[in-house]
Amino acid sequence: MDMGCIFCKIIKGEIPCYKVYEDDQFFAFLDIRPTNKGHCLVVPKNHYRWVWDVNEDYSKIVNKIANAQKKAFETSWVVSFVMGEEVPHAHIHLVPRFENDGHGPLINLESVKEFSKEEMQEFATRIKNFL
């Protein structure tokens, strides 16, 4: 753990989040700046700087969560992307996409959507129900 890393603090429970998934190696939670409902971040519990430094189990968990999002939000379209600059802890974004979701062919990262705490909790619960 990196004591200054916001994701490490979230994993340790020092910062609240809308948790979607947790096992001994990985943690997933809703992004607080969602571009669509159900936008998740999937992170390793150990502090790695880059996604390519994480073991191959990472892709299995990302796949599992993306498939749960598809069922939870009744969509066949979940995009994933890696930025790696905004927080120096390996993380993969998973964003459910919908027809007429306001993004066009590519996710507009500046187009953050606001949801109530109740909606965010509902989104997390819906995803968990399909894991």
N, C-alpha and C. Protein backbone atom coordinates (compact mmCIF):
# COMPACT_ATOMS: atom_id res chain seq x y z
N MET A 1 0.83 -1.19 0.00
CA MET A 1 0.00 0.00 0.00
C MET A 1 0.88 1.25 0.00
N ASP A 2 0.42 2.23 -0.73
CA ASP A 2 1.07 3.53 -0.75
C ASP A 2 0.19 4.45 0.10
N MET A 3 0.69 4.90 1.21
CA MET A 3 -0.10 5.66 2.17
C MET A 3 -0.67 6.96 1.61
N GLY A 4 -0.09 7.48 0.54
CA GLY A 4 -0.59 8.71 -0.06
C GLY A 4 -1.55 8.48 -1.22
N CYS A 5 -1.78 7.23 -1.58
CA CYS A 5 -2.60 6.89 -2.74
C CYS A 5 -4.08 6.85 -2.37
N ILE A 6 -4.89 7.60 -3.10
CA ILE A 6 -6.32 7.64 -2.82
C ILE A 6 -6.98 6.27 -2.98
N PHE A 7 -6.56 5.49 -3.96
CA PHE A 7 -7.16 4.16 -4.14
C PHE A 7 -6.76 3.23 -3.00
N CYS A 8 -5.53 3.31 -2.51
CA CYS A 8 -5.13 2.51 -1.35
C CYS A 8 -5.97 2.89 -0.13
N LYS A 9 -6.27 4.17 0.01
CA LYS A 9 -7.11 4.62 1.13
C LYS A 9 -8.53 4.10 0.99
N ILE A 10 -9.05 4.06 -0.23
CA ILE A 10 -10.38 3.51 -0.47
C ILE A 10 -10.39 2.03 -0.13
N ILE A 11 -9.41 1.29 -0.58
CA ILE A 11 -9.32 -0.15 -0.31
C ILE A 11 -9.25 -0.41 1.19
N LYS A 12 -8.52 0.41 1.93
CA LYS A 12 -8.39 0.24 3.38
C LYS A 12 -9.62 0.72 4.14
N GLY A 13 -10.58 1.35 3.45
CA GLY A 13 -11.79 1.84 4.11
C GLY A 13 -11.65 3.21 4.74
N GLU A 14 -10.55 3.89 4.45
CA GLU A 14 -10.33 5.23 5.01
C GLU A 14 -11.15 6.29 4.26
N ILE A 15 -11.51 5.99 3.04
CA ILE A 15 -12.34 6.88 2.22
C ILE A 15 -13.54 6.04 1.78
N PRO A 16 -14.76 6.55 1.98
CA PRO A 16 -15.93 5.76 1.60
C PRO A 16 -16.06 5.63 0.08
N CYS A 17 -16.73 4.55 -0.33
CA CYS A 17 -16.96 4.33 -1.75
C CYS A 17 -18.22 3.48 -1.90
N TYR A 18 -18.66 3.34 -3.12
CA TYR A 18 -19.76 2.44 -3.46
C TYR A 18 -19.12 1.17 -3.99
N LYS A 19 -18.84 0.25 -3.06
CA LYS A 19 -18.12 -0.97 -3.42
C LYS A 19 -19.02 -1.91 -4.22
N VAL A 20 -18.42 -2.47 -5.26
CA VAL A 20 -19.11 -3.40 -6.14
C VAL A 20 -18.56 -4.82 -5.95
N TYR A 21 -17.26 -4.93 -5.70
CA TYR A 21 -16.62 -6.24 -5.64
C TYR A 21 -15.36 -6.16 -4.79
N GLU A 22 -15.09 -7.26 -4.08
CA GLU A 22 -13.83 -7.37 -3.35
C GLU A 22 -13.48 -8.84 -3.16
N ASP A 23 -12.22 -9.16 -3.39
CA ASP A 23 -11.68 -10.47 -3.03
C ASP A 23 -10.30 -10.22 -2.43
N ASP A 24 -9.49 -11.25 -2.30
CA ASP A 24 -8.18 -11.07 -1.67
C ASP A 24 -7.19 -10.28 -2.51
N GLN A 25 -7.42 -10.18 -3.83
CA GLN A 25 -6.49 -9.47 -4.72
C GLN A 25 -7.03 -8.18 -5.34
N PHE A 26 -8.38 -8.09 -5.50
CA PHE A 26 -8.94 -6.99 -6.29
C PHE A 26 -10.11 -6.31 -5.59
N PHE A 27 -10.37 -5.10 -6.03
CA PHE A 27 -11.40 -4.26 -5.43
C PHE A 27 -12.04 -3.46 -6.58
N ALA A 28 -13.35 -3.36 -6.59
CA ALA A 28 -14.03 -2.57 -7.63
C ALA A 28 -15.07 -1.69 -6.96
N PHE A 29 -15.18 -0.46 -7.46
CA PHE A 29 -16.10 0.51 -6.88
C PHE A 29 -16.56 1.47 -7.97
N LEU A 30 -17.68 2.14 -7.70
CA LEU A 30 -18.19 3.11 -8.66
C LEU A 30 -17.31 4.34 -8.69
N ASP A 31 -17.11 4.86 -9.87
CA ASP A 31 -16.34 6.09 -10.06
C ASP A 31 -17.17 7.26 -9.52
N ILE A 32 -16.55 8.16 -8.75
CA ILE A 32 -17.30 9.31 -8.21
C ILE A 32 -17.49 10.41 -9.26
N ARG A 33 -16.85 10.24 -10.41
CA ARG A 33 -17.06 11.13 -11.55
C ARG A 33 -17.55 10.28 -12.73
N PRO A 34 -18.74 9.69 -12.58
CA PRO A 34 -19.20 8.75 -13.60
C PRO A 34 -19.56 9.41 -14.92
N THR A 35 -19.23 8.73 -15.98
CA THR A 35 -19.62 9.19 -17.31
C THR A 35 -20.94 8.55 -17.74
N ASN A 36 -21.35 7.50 -17.04
CA ASN A 36 -22.65 6.84 -17.22
C ASN A 36 -22.98 6.10 -15.94
N LYS A 37 -24.24 5.70 -15.79
CA LYS A 37 -24.61 4.93 -14.60
C LYS A 37 -23.84 3.61 -14.61
N GLY A 38 -23.36 3.23 -13.43
CA GLY A 38 -22.62 1.98 -13.31
C GLY A 38 -21.15 2.04 -13.65
N HIS A 39 -20.60 3.22 -13.93
CA HIS A 39 -19.18 3.39 -14.26
C HIS A 39 -18.33 2.92 -13.08
N CYS A 40 -17.53 1.89 -13.28
CA CYS A 40 -16.71 1.29 -12.22
C CYS A 40 -15.22 1.46 -12.48
N LEU A 41 -14.48 1.38 -11.40
CA LEU A 41 -13.03 1.28 -11.45
C LEU A 41 -12.67 -0.06 -10.82
N VAL A 42 -11.80 -0.80 -11.47
CA VAL A 42 -11.33 -2.09 -10.96
C VAL A 42 -9.84 -1.94 -10.68
N VAL A 43 -9.46 -2.18 -9.43
CA VAL A 43 -8.08 -1.96 -9.01
C VAL A 43 -7.53 -3.18 -8.28
N PRO A 44 -6.21 -3.40 -8.37
CA PRO A 44 -5.61 -4.43 -7.54
C PRO A 44 -5.48 -3.88 -6.11
N LYS A 45 -5.59 -4.77 -5.14
CA LYS A 45 -5.43 -4.32 -3.74
C LYS A 45 -3.98 -3.93 -3.45
N ASN A 46 -3.04 -4.66 -4.04
CA ASN A 46 -1.64 -4.26 -3.90
C ASN A 46 -1.40 -3.05 -4.79
N HIS A 47 -0.54 -2.18 -4.33
CA HIS A 47 -0.28 -0.95 -5.09
C HIS A 47 0.70 -1.24 -6.23
N TYR A 48 0.16 -1.23 -7.44
CA TYR A 48 0.96 -1.30 -8.66
C TYR A 48 0.74 0.01 -9.41
N ARG A 49 1.75 0.50 -10.03
CA ARG A 49 1.62 1.75 -10.79
C ARG A 49 0.89 1.53 -12.10
N TRP A 50 1.17 0.43 -12.78
CA TRP A 50 0.63 0.21 -14.12
C TRP A 50 -0.16 -1.08 -14.20
N VAL A 51 -1.18 -1.12 -15.04
CA VAL A 51 -2.01 -2.32 -15.17
C VAL A 51 -1.21 -3.51 -15.69
N TRP A 52 -0.21 -3.28 -16.49
CA TRP A 52 0.55 -4.39 -17.06
C TRP A 52 1.50 -5.03 -16.04
N ASP A 53 1.59 -4.44 -14.85
CA ASP A 53 2.39 -5.04 -13.78
C ASP A 53 1.56 -5.99 -12.91
N VAL A 54 0.24 -6.02 -13.13
CA VAL A 54 -0.68 -6.85 -12.34
C VAL A 54 -0.79 -8.22 -12.99
N ASN A 55 -1.01 -9.25 -12.19
CA ASN A 55 -1.09 -10.62 -12.73
C ASN A 55 -2.31 -10.82 -13.62
N GLU A 56 -2.33 -11.95 -14.31
CA GLU A 56 -3.37 -12.22 -15.31
C GLU A 56 -4.75 -12.42 -14.70
N ASP A 57 -4.86 -12.60 -13.40
CA ASP A 57 -6.17 -12.70 -12.76
C ASP A 57 -6.97 -11.40 -12.89
N TYR A 58 -6.27 -10.31 -13.11
CA TYR A 58 -6.90 -9.00 -13.26
C TYR A 58 -7.94 -9.04 -14.39
N SER A 59 -7.57 -9.60 -15.53
CA SER A 59 -8.49 -9.62 -16.68
C SER A 59 -9.72 -10.47 -16.38
N LYS A 60 -9.57 -11.52 -15.58
CA LYS A 60 -10.72 -12.35 -15.23
C LYS A 60 -11.73 -11.56 -14.40
N ILE A 61 -11.24 -10.77 -13.47
CA ILE A 61 -12.13 -9.97 -12.61
C ILE A 61 -12.79 -8.86 -13.42
N VAL A 62 -12.03 -8.21 -14.28
CA VAL A 62 -12.59 -7.16 -15.15
C VAL A 62 -13.70 -7.75 -16.01
N ASN A 63 -13.46 -8.92 -16.57
CA ASN A 63 -14.46 -9.60 -17.39
C ASN A 63 -15.72 -9.91 -16.57
N LYS A 64 -15.53 -10.42 -15.38
CA LYS A 64 -16.65 -10.78 -14.50
C LYS A 64 -17.51 -9.54 -14.19
N ILE A 65 -16.87 -8.44 -13.88
CA ILE A 65 -17.61 -7.23 -13.54
C ILE A 65 -18.30 -6.64 -14.76
N ALA A 66 -17.63 -6.62 -15.90
CA ALA A 66 -18.24 -6.11 -17.13
C ALA A 66 -19.49 -6.92 -17.49
N ASN A 67 -19.42 -8.23 -17.35
CA ASN A 67 -20.59 -9.06 -17.65
C ASN A 67 -21.73 -8.81 -16.66
N ALA A 68 -21.39 -8.55 -15.40
CA ALA A 68 -22.42 -8.20 -14.41
C ALA A 68 -23.05 -6.85 -14.76
N GLN A 69 -22.25 -5.89 -15.22
CA GLN A 69 -22.78 -4.59 -15.64
C GLN A 69 -23.75 -4.75 -16.81
N LYS A 70 -23.38 -5.58 -17.77
CA LYS A 70 -24.25 -5.81 -18.93
C LYS A 70 -25.63 -6.30 -18.49
N LYS A 71 -25.65 -7.24 -17.57
CA LYS A 71 -26.92 -7.77 -17.07
C LYS A 71 -27.65 -6.74 -16.21
N ALA A 72 -26.92 -6.08 -15.33
CA ALA A 72 -27.53 -5.12 -14.40
C ALA A 72 -28.20 -3.95 -15.11
N PHE A 73 -27.60 -3.53 -16.23
CA PHE A 73 -28.12 -2.35 -16.92
C PHE A 73 -28.73 -2.68 -18.29
N GLU A 74 -28.89 -3.99 -18.54
CA GLU A 74 -29.52 -4.45 -19.77
C GLU A 74 -28.93 -3.78 -21.01
N THR A 75 -27.62 -3.92 -21.13
CA THR A 75 -26.90 -3.40 -22.28
C THR A 75 -25.91 -4.45 -22.77
N SER A 76 -25.60 -4.41 -24.02
CA SER A 76 -24.58 -5.32 -24.55
C SER A 76 -23.25 -4.60 -24.74
N TRP A 77 -23.21 -3.35 -24.31
CA TRP A 77 -22.07 -2.49 -24.61
C TRP A 77 -21.45 -1.95 -23.33
N VAL A 78 -20.32 -2.49 -22.94
CA VAL A 78 -19.53 -1.97 -21.82
C VAL A 78 -18.14 -1.71 -22.37
N VAL A 79 -17.68 -0.48 -22.26
CA VAL A 79 -16.34 -0.16 -22.74
C VAL A 79 -15.36 -0.15 -21.56
N SER A 80 -14.13 -0.47 -21.87
CA SER A 80 -13.08 -0.41 -20.86
C SER A 80 -11.98 0.50 -21.38
N PHE A 81 -11.35 1.17 -20.45
CA PHE A 81 -10.20 1.97 -20.84
C PHE A 81 -9.27 2.15 -19.65
N VAL A 82 -8.01 2.41 -19.98
CA VAL A 82 -6.96 2.62 -19.00
C VAL A 82 -6.39 4.00 -19.25
N MET A 83 -6.35 4.80 -18.23
CA MET A 83 -5.75 6.12 -18.36
C MET A 83 -4.38 6.12 -17.68
N GLY A 84 -4.38 5.88 -16.38
CA GLY A 84 -3.13 5.73 -15.65
C GLY A 84 -2.43 7.00 -15.26
N GLU A 85 -3.00 8.14 -15.58
CA GLU A 85 -2.32 9.39 -15.23
C GLU A 85 -2.98 10.11 -14.06
N GLU A 86 -4.30 9.99 -13.95
CA GLU A 86 -5.00 10.75 -12.92
C GLU A 86 -4.76 10.23 -11.51
N VAL A 87 -4.57 8.94 -11.35
CA VAL A 87 -4.22 8.33 -10.05
C VAL A 87 -3.11 7.31 -10.32
N PRO A 88 -1.98 7.41 -9.61
CA PRO A 88 -0.86 6.51 -9.88
C PRO A 88 -1.02 5.14 -9.22
N HIS A 89 -2.16 4.50 -9.46
CA HIS A 89 -2.45 3.15 -8.98
C HIS A 89 -3.16 2.47 -10.14
N ALA A 90 -2.70 1.30 -10.52
CA ALA A 90 -3.29 0.58 -11.66
C ALA A 90 -4.82 0.54 -11.52
N HIS A 91 -5.52 0.90 -12.59
CA HIS A 91 -6.98 0.83 -12.57
C HIS A 91 -7.53 0.77 -13.99
N ILE A 92 -8.64 0.04 -14.09
CA ILE A 92 -9.34 -0.08 -15.36
C ILE A 92 -10.75 0.47 -15.17
N HIS A 93 -11.13 1.35 -16.08
CA HIS A 93 -12.50 1.89 -16.08
C HIS A 93 -13.39 0.93 -16.87
N LEU A 94 -14.59 0.68 -16.36
CA LEU A 94 -15.62 -0.07 -17.07
C LEU A 94 -16.87 0.80 -17.11
N VAL A 95 -17.30 1.15 -18.32
CA VAL A 95 -18.42 2.07 -18.48
C VAL A 95 -19.52 1.44 -19.33
N PRO A 96 -20.69 1.19 -18.73
CA PRO A 96 -21.82 0.73 -19.54
C PRO A 96 -22.22 1.83 -20.52
N ARG A 97 -22.53 1.43 -21.74
CA ARG A 97 -22.97 2.38 -22.76
C ARG A 97 -24.42 2.09 -23.13
N PHE A 98 -25.11 3.14 -23.55
CA PHE A 98 -26.52 3.04 -23.90
C PHE A 98 -26.79 3.88 -25.13
N GLU A 99 -27.77 3.48 -25.88
CA GLU A 99 -28.19 4.29 -27.02
C GLU A 99 -28.63 5.66 -26.49
N ASN A 100 -28.20 6.70 -27.15
CA ASN A 100 -28.54 8.08 -26.76
C ASN A 100 -28.06 8.43 -25.35
N ASP A 101 -26.88 7.96 -24.98
CA ASP A 101 -26.36 8.27 -23.64
C ASP A 101 -25.59 9.60 -23.59
N GLY A 102 -25.59 10.32 -24.71
CA GLY A 102 -24.98 11.63 -24.74
C GLY A 102 -23.51 11.65 -25.06
N HIS A 103 -22.93 10.51 -25.39
CA HIS A 103 -21.48 10.46 -25.65
C HIS A 103 -21.11 10.36 -27.12
N GLY A 104 -21.97 9.89 -27.96
CA GLY A 104 -21.57 9.65 -29.33
C GLY A 104 -20.74 8.38 -29.41
N PRO A 105 -19.87 8.25 -30.43
CA PRO A 105 -19.12 7.00 -30.59
C PRO A 105 -18.02 6.79 -29.53
N LEU A 106 -17.56 7.85 -28.89
CA LEU A 106 -16.51 7.75 -27.88
C LEU A 106 -16.96 8.38 -26.56
N ILE A 107 -16.51 7.82 -25.46
CA ILE A 107 -16.80 8.38 -24.14
C ILE A 107 -16.14 9.75 -24.03
N ASN A 108 -16.92 10.72 -23.62
CA ASN A 108 -16.40 12.06 -23.35
C ASN A 108 -16.11 12.13 -21.85
N LEU A 109 -14.85 12.09 -21.47
CA LEU A 109 -14.47 12.05 -20.05
C LEU A 109 -14.85 13.32 -19.31
N GLU A 110 -15.08 14.39 -20.03
CA GLU A 110 -15.49 15.64 -19.40
C GLU A 110 -17.00 15.68 -19.16
N SER A 111 -17.71 14.74 -19.73
CA SER A 111 -19.17 14.69 -19.60
C SER A 111 -19.53 13.82 -18.39
N VAL A 112 -19.29 14.38 -17.21
CA VAL A 112 -19.58 13.68 -15.96
C VAL A 112 -21.06 13.83 -15.65
N LYS A 113 -21.67 12.73 -15.25
CA LYS A 113 -23.10 12.73 -14.93
C LYS A 113 -23.27 12.73 -13.41
N GLU A 114 -24.27 13.44 -12.96
CA GLU A 114 -24.53 13.50 -11.52
C GLU A 114 -25.67 12.57 -11.16
N PHE A 115 -25.42 11.77 -10.12
CA PHE A 115 -26.42 10.85 -9.60
C PHE A 115 -26.49 11.04 -8.09
N SER A 116 -27.66 10.83 -7.52
CA SER A 116 -27.82 10.94 -6.07
C SER A 116 -27.11 9.78 -5.37
N LYS A 117 -26.91 9.92 -4.07
CA LYS A 117 -26.31 8.83 -3.30
C LYS A 117 -27.16 7.58 -3.41
N GLU A 118 -28.47 7.77 -3.39
CA GLU A 118 -29.38 6.63 -3.50
C GLU A 118 -29.24 5.94 -4.85
N GLU A 119 -29.10 6.71 -5.92
CA GLU A 119 -28.92 6.13 -7.24
C GLU A 119 -27.59 5.38 -7.32
N MET A 120 -26.54 5.97 -6.76
CA MET A 120 -25.23 5.31 -6.79
C MET A 120 -25.29 3.99 -6.03
N GLN A 121 -25.94 4.00 -4.87
CA GLN A 121 -26.06 2.77 -4.10
C GLN A 121 -26.86 1.73 -4.88
N GLU A 122 -27.90 2.18 -5.55
CA GLU A 122 -28.71 1.27 -6.38
C GLU A 122 -27.86 0.67 -7.49
N PHE A 123 -27.06 1.49 -8.16
CA PHE A 123 -26.20 0.99 -9.24
C PHE A 123 -25.25 -0.09 -8.71
N ALA A 124 -24.62 0.18 -7.56
CA ALA A 124 -23.69 -0.78 -6.97
C ALA A 124 -24.40 -2.09 -6.64
N THR A 125 -25.58 -1.97 -6.06
CA THR A 125 -26.35 -3.16 -5.69
C THR A 125 -26.75 -3.96 -6.92
N ARG A 126 -27.17 -3.28 -7.96
CA ARG A 126 -27.56 -3.97 -9.20
C ARG A 126 -26.39 -4.78 -9.76
N ILE A 127 -25.21 -4.18 -9.78
CA ILE A 127 -24.04 -4.91 -10.30
C ILE A 127 -23.72 -6.10 -9.40
N LYS A 128 -23.71 -5.89 -8.08
CA LYS A 128 -23.40 -6.97 -7.15
C LYS A 128 -24.36 -8.14 -7.30
N ASN A 129 -25.60 -7.83 -7.61
CA ASN A 129 -26.61 -8.90 -7.74
C ASN A 129 -26.31 -9.85 -8.89
N PHE A 130 -25.47 -9.44 -9.83
CA PHE A 130 -25.13 -10.30 -10.98
C PHE A 130 -23.71 -10.86 -10.90
N LEU A 131 -23.05 -10.68 -9.80
CA LEU A 131 -21.69 -11.24 -9.63
C LEU A 131 -21.77 -12.64 -9.03
